[in-house]
Amino acid sequence: MFRKILYPTDFSDCATKALEYVKKLRGAGTEEVVLVHVIDVREIETVATGAAWLGETTAEYENEVQKKMREEAEKKLEAVKSELEGAGLKLSVKTPEGIPFKKILKIAEDEDVSLIVLGSHGKSNIREMLLGSVSEKVIRGAKRPVLVVKRETSVMW
């Protein structure tokens, strides 16, 4: 039914929880997973704006920040990749740069996936919001089914 899944991750707790669902879908016929981490260009620009006082040009500092972000992401992606391969799934891994929801929607179309599985909230994890901004925009723009994995909610007594 869902032969090929797109699993975008920002390595947040919600994304890790969504990973468990991706692995369980193997039993429902999933054969392949497109694992994606989008390097958000807005984060690079935000971090790099303070570079002038360091004596570097913004462009030099942006390149350093981008390189560090990519290295960190690739290390984390390798662990996720091993976990999915261990579950018997074929993998392709992508680390594009851009605006996360736009890249996720484009990859979903380009790869002709049958399902997108993502966490409801990313790294910002603002508790008051029903959905995170990336997941909401993916849901609104997707032409494929989307499985949104909700974060754990704690009960207050």
C-alpha atoms as a PDB file:
ATOM      1  CA  MET A   1       0.000   0.000   0.000  1.00  0.00           C
ATOM      2  CA  PHE A   2       2.713   2.501   1.030  1.00  0.00           C
ATOM      3  CA  ARG A   3       5.622   1.035  -0.909  1.00  0.00           C
ATOM      4  CA  LYS A   4       7.833   4.129  -0.777  1.00  0.00           C
ATOM      5  CA  ILE A   5       7.856   6.511   2.201  1.00  0.00           C
ATOM      6  CA  LEU A   6       9.361   9.953   2.584  1.00  0.00           C
ATOM      7  CA  TYR A   7      10.682  10.445   6.110  1.00  0.00           C
ATOM      8  CA  PRO A   8      11.882  14.006   6.711  1.00  0.00           C
ATOM      9  CA  THR A   9      13.667  14.503  10.016  1.00  0.00           C
ATOM     10  CA  ASP A  10      15.082  17.379  12.016  1.00  0.00           C
ATOM     11  CA  PHE A  11      16.241  14.901  14.686  1.00  0.00           C
ATOM     12  CA  SER A  12      13.725  16.255  17.228  1.00  0.00           C
ATOM     13  CA  ASP A  13      11.933  14.003  19.717  1.00  0.00           C
ATOM     14  CA  CYS A  14       8.834  14.034  17.512  1.00  0.00           C
ATOM     15  CA  ALA A  15      10.843  13.035  14.455  1.00  0.00           C
ATOM     16  CA  THR A  16      12.409  10.175  16.427  1.00  0.00           C
ATOM     17  CA  LYS A  17       8.955   8.996  17.424  1.00  0.00           C
ATOM     18  CA  ALA A  18       7.885   9.140  13.752  1.00  0.00           C
ATOM     19  CA  LEU A  19      10.870   6.913  12.895  1.00  0.00           C
ATOM     20  CA  GLU A  20       9.300   4.122  14.936  1.00  0.00           C
ATOM     21  CA  TYR A  21       6.174   4.333  12.762  1.00  0.00           C
ATOM     22  CA  VAL A  22       8.273   4.206   9.599  1.00  0.00           C
ATOM     23  CA  LYS A  23       9.908   0.972  10.784  1.00  0.00           C
ATOM     24  CA  LYS A  24       6.519  -0.551  11.660  1.00  0.00           C
ATOM     25  CA  LEU A  25       5.188   0.212   8.180  1.00  0.00           C
ATOM     26  CA  ARG A  26       7.647  -2.391   6.844  1.00  0.00           C
ATOM     27  CA  GLY A  27       5.077  -4.966   7.934  1.00  0.00           C
ATOM     28  CA  ALA A  28       2.432  -3.194   5.836  1.00  0.00           C
ATOM     29  CA  GLY A  29       4.423  -3.499   2.618  1.00  0.00           C
ATOM     30  CA  THR A  30       6.822  -0.581   2.760  1.00  0.00           C
ATOM     31  CA  GLU A  31       9.978  -1.433   0.848  1.00  0.00           C
ATOM     32  CA  GLU A  32      11.837   1.840   0.504  1.00  0.00           C
ATOM     33  CA  VAL A  33      12.385   5.009   2.527  1.00  0.00           C
ATOM     34  CA  VAL A  34      13.633   8.367   1.309  1.00  0.00           C
ATOM     35  CA  LEU A  35      15.363   9.829   4.357  1.00  0.00           C
ATOM     36  CA  VAL A  36      15.608  13.616   4.249  1.00  0.00           C
ATOM     37  CA  HIS A  37      17.111  16.314   6.414  1.00  0.00           C
ATOM     38  CA  VAL A  38      16.764  19.815   5.006  1.00  0.00           C
ATOM     39  CA  ILE A  39      19.495  22.243   5.984  1.00  0.00           C
ATOM     40  CA  ASP A  40      17.453  25.366   6.596  1.00  0.00           C
ATOM     41  CA  VAL A  41      19.094  28.281   4.787  1.00  0.00           C
ATOM     42  CA  ARG A  42      17.331  30.690   7.140  1.00  0.00           C
ATOM     43  CA  GLU A  43      19.230  29.197  10.094  1.00  0.00           C
ATOM     44  CA  ILE A  44      22.532  29.632   8.273  1.00  0.00           C
ATOM     45  CA  GLU A  45      21.743  33.274   7.530  1.00  0.00           C
ATOM     46  CA  THR A  46      20.584  33.960  11.098  1.00  0.00           C
ATOM     47  CA  VAL A  47      23.722  32.494  12.649  1.00  0.00           C
ATOM     48  CA  ALA A  48      25.975  34.239  10.135  1.00  0.00           C
ATOM     49  CA  THR A  49      24.578  37.740  10.697  1.00  0.00           C
ATOM     50  CA  GLY A  50      26.767  38.129  13.787  1.00  0.00           C
ATOM     51  CA  ALA A  51      29.943  37.348  11.843  1.00  0.00           C
ATOM     52  CA  ALA A  52      30.991  40.920  11.136  1.00  0.00           C
ATOM     53  CA  TRP A  53      32.306  41.500  14.660  1.00  0.00           C
ATOM     54  CA  LEU A  54      34.423  38.352  14.358  1.00  0.00           C
ATOM     55  CA  GLY A  55      36.407  39.921  11.546  1.00  0.00           C
ATOM     56  CA  GLU A  56      35.085  37.551   8.905  1.00  0.00           C
ATOM     57  CA  THR A  57      32.906  38.338   5.956  1.00  0.00           C
ATOM     58  CA  THR A  58      29.357  37.096   6.195  1.00  0.00           C
ATOM     59  CA  ALA A  59      29.901  34.812   3.187  1.00  0.00           C
ATOM     60  CA  GLU A  60      32.949  33.135   4.785  1.00  0.00           C
ATOM     61  CA  TYR A  61      31.110  32.602   8.029  1.00  0.00           C
ATOM     62  CA  GLU A  62      27.985  31.298   6.241  1.00  0.00           C
ATOM     63  CA  ASN A  63      30.175  28.723   4.488  1.00  0.00           C
ATOM     64  CA  GLU A  64      31.641  27.599   7.829  1.00  0.00           C
ATOM     65  CA  VAL A  65      28.209  27.379   9.462  1.00  0.00           C
ATOM     66  CA  GLN A  66      26.786  25.470   6.493  1.00  0.00           C
ATOM     67  CA  LYS A  67      29.699  23.026   6.543  1.00  0.00           C
ATOM     68  CA  LYS A  68      29.290  22.369  10.292  1.00  0.00           C
ATOM     69  CA  MET A  69      25.517  21.914   9.928  1.00  0.00           C
ATOM     70  CA  ARG A  70      25.994  19.454   7.062  1.00  0.00           C
ATOM     71  CA  GLU A  71      28.645  17.437   8.957  1.00  0.00           C
ATOM     72  CA  GLU A  72      26.433  17.195  12.034  1.00  0.00           C
ATOM     73  CA  ALA A  73      23.380  16.237   9.967  1.00  0.00           C
ATOM     74  CA  GLU A  74      25.275  13.572   8.028  1.00  0.00           C
ATOM     75  CA  LYS A  75      26.533  11.981  11.245  1.00  0.00           C
ATOM     76  CA  LYS A  76      22.982  11.816  12.642  1.00  0.00           C
ATOM     77  CA  LEU A  77      21.573  10.604   9.317  1.00  0.00           C
ATOM     78  CA  GLU A  78      24.054   7.729   9.284  1.00  0.00           C
ATOM     79  CA  ALA A  79      22.625   6.448  12.586  1.00  0.00           C
ATOM     80  CA  VAL A  80      19.036   6.714  11.288  1.00  0.00           C
ATOM     81  CA  LYS A  81      20.057   5.036   8.032  1.00  0.00           C
ATOM     82  CA  SER A  82      21.577   2.092   9.919  1.00  0.00           C
ATOM     83  CA  GLU A  83      18.430   1.730  11.988  1.00  0.00           C
ATOM     84  CA  LEU A  84      16.174   1.651   8.908  1.00  0.00           C
ATOM     85  CA  GLU A  85      18.439  -0.729   7.003  1.00  0.00           C
ATOM     86  CA  GLY A  86      18.420  -2.956  10.085  1.00  0.00           C
ATOM     87  CA  ALA A  87      14.626  -3.041   9.771  1.00  0.00           C
ATOM     88  CA  GLY A  88      15.029  -4.398   6.225  1.00  0.00           C
ATOM     89  CA  LEU A  89      14.241  -1.227   4.291  1.00  0.00           C
ATOM     90  CA  LYS A  90      15.989   0.123   1.186  1.00  0.00           C
ATOM     91  CA  LEU A  91      17.227   3.674   1.673  1.00  0.00           C
ATOM     92  CA  SER A  92      18.109   6.794  -0.182  1.00  0.00           C
ATOM     93  CA  VAL A  93      19.383   9.795   1.791  1.00  0.00           C
ATOM     94  CA  LYS A  94      19.068  13.454   0.837  1.00  0.00           C
ATOM     95  CA  THR A  95      20.412  16.582   2.564  1.00  0.00           C
ATOM     96  CA  PRO A  96      19.268  19.520   0.456  1.00  0.00           C
ATOM     97  CA  GLU A  97      19.535  23.149   1.489  1.00  0.00           C
ATOM     98  CA  GLY A  98      16.481  25.363   1.407  1.00  0.00           C
ATOM     99  CA  ILE A  99      13.196  26.062   3.141  1.00  0.00           C
ATOM    100  CA  PRO A 100      12.241  22.749   4.795  1.00  0.00           C
ATOM    101  CA  PHE A 101       8.562  22.454   3.832  1.00  0.00           C
ATOM    102  CA  LYS A 102       9.254  23.451   0.217  1.00  0.00           C
ATOM    103  CA  LYS A 103      12.074  20.920  -0.161  1.00  0.00           C
ATOM    104  CA  ILE A 104       9.998  18.174   1.500  1.00  0.00           C
ATOM    105  CA  LEU A 105       7.078  18.748  -0.884  1.00  0.00           C
ATOM    106  CA  LYS A 106       9.389  18.854  -3.914  1.00  0.00           C
ATOM    107  CA  ILE A 107      11.159  15.632  -2.948  1.00  0.00           C
ATOM    108  CA  ALA A 108       7.799  13.921  -2.314  1.00  0.00           C
ATOM    109  CA  GLU A 109       6.802  14.713  -5.904  1.00  0.00           C
ATOM    110  CA  ASP A 110      10.188  14.001  -7.490  1.00  0.00           C
ATOM    111  CA  GLU A 111      10.496  10.639  -5.724  1.00  0.00           C
ATOM    112  CA  ASP A 112       6.812   9.746  -6.285  1.00  0.00           C
ATOM    113  CA  VAL A 113       6.405   8.577  -2.691  1.00  0.00           C
ATOM    114  CA  SER A 114       3.179   6.970  -1.507  1.00  0.00           C
ATOM    115  CA  LEU A 115       3.300   8.453   2.007  1.00  0.00           C
ATOM    116  CA  ILE A 116       5.037  11.205   3.979  1.00  0.00           C
ATOM    117  CA  VAL A 117       5.694  10.419   7.646  1.00  0.00           C
ATOM    118  CA  LEU A 118       6.761  13.271   9.916  1.00  0.00           C
ATOM    119  CA  GLY A 119       6.567  14.493  13.478  1.00  0.00           C
ATOM    120  CA  SER A 120       3.972  17.070  14.465  1.00  0.00           C
ATOM    121  CA  HIS A 121       6.548  19.419  15.988  1.00  0.00           C
ATOM    122  CA  GLY A 122      10.171  20.048  15.198  1.00  0.00           C
ATOM    123  CA  LYS A 123      13.076  21.470  17.105  1.00  0.00           C
ATOM    124  CA  SER A 124      11.241  24.593  18.269  1.00  0.00           C
ATOM    125  CA  ASN A 125       8.516  22.394  19.818  1.00  0.00           C
ATOM    126  CA  ILE A 126       6.328  25.321  20.901  1.00  0.00           C
ATOM    127  CA  ARG A 127       3.850  23.645  23.214  1.00  0.00           C
ATOM    128  CA  GLU A 128       0.959  26.027  22.590  1.00  0.00           C
ATOM    129  CA  MET A 129       0.802  25.280  18.879  1.00  0.00           C
ATOM    130  CA  LEU A 130      -1.446  22.525  17.553  1.00  0.00           C
ATOM    131  CA  LEU A 131       1.093  21.729  14.815  1.00  0.00           C
ATOM    132  CA  GLY A 132       4.569  22.895  13.993  1.00  0.00           C
ATOM    133  CA  SER A 133       4.892  25.250  11.046  1.00  0.00           C
ATOM    134  CA  VAL A 134       6.753  22.780   8.811  1.00  0.00           C
ATOM    135  CA  SER A 135       4.305  19.928   9.402  1.00  0.00           C
ATOM    136  CA  GLU A 136       1.326  22.229   8.881  1.00  0.00           C
ATOM    137  CA  LYS A 137       2.702  23.530   5.574  1.00  0.00           C
ATOM    138  CA  VAL A 138       3.543  20.006   4.408  1.00  0.00           C
ATOM    139  CA  ILE A 139      -0.009  18.855   5.198  1.00  0.00           C
ATOM    140  CA  ARG A 140      -1.509  21.829   3.350  1.00  0.00           C
ATOM    141  CA  GLY A 141       0.714  21.454   0.278  1.00  0.00           C
ATOM    142  CA  ALA A 142       1.057  17.682  -0.028  1.00  0.00           C
ATOM    143  CA  LYS A 143      -0.440  15.794  -2.933  1.00  0.00           C
ATOM    144  CA  ARG A 144       0.350  12.547  -1.119  1.00  0.00           C
ATOM    145  CA  PRO A 145      -1.056  11.139   2.134  1.00  0.00           C
ATOM    146  CA  VAL A 146       0.694  12.464   5.241  1.00  0.00           C
ATOM    147  CA  LEU A 147       1.025  10.601   8.526  1.00  0.00           C
ATOM    148  CA  VAL A 148       1.696  13.085  11.322  1.00  0.00           C
ATOM    149  CA  VAL A 149       3.039  11.560  14.511  1.00  0.00           C
ATOM    150  CA  LYS A 150       1.987  13.532  17.529  1.00  0.00           C
ATOM    151  CA  ARG A 151       4.355  14.304  20.351  1.00  0.00           C
ATOM    152  CA  GLU A 152       3.831  12.769  23.768  1.00  0.00           C
ATOM    153  CA  THR A 153       1.500  14.782  25.908  1.00  0.00           C
ATOM    154  CA  SER A 154       1.821  14.789  29.635  1.00  0.00           C
ATOM    155  CA  VAL A 155      -1.193  14.649  31.891  1.00  0.00           C
ATOM    156  CA  MET A 156      -1.321  17.143  34.733  1.00  0.00           C
ATOM    157  CA  TRP A 157      -3.075  15.958  37.921  1.00  0.00           C
END
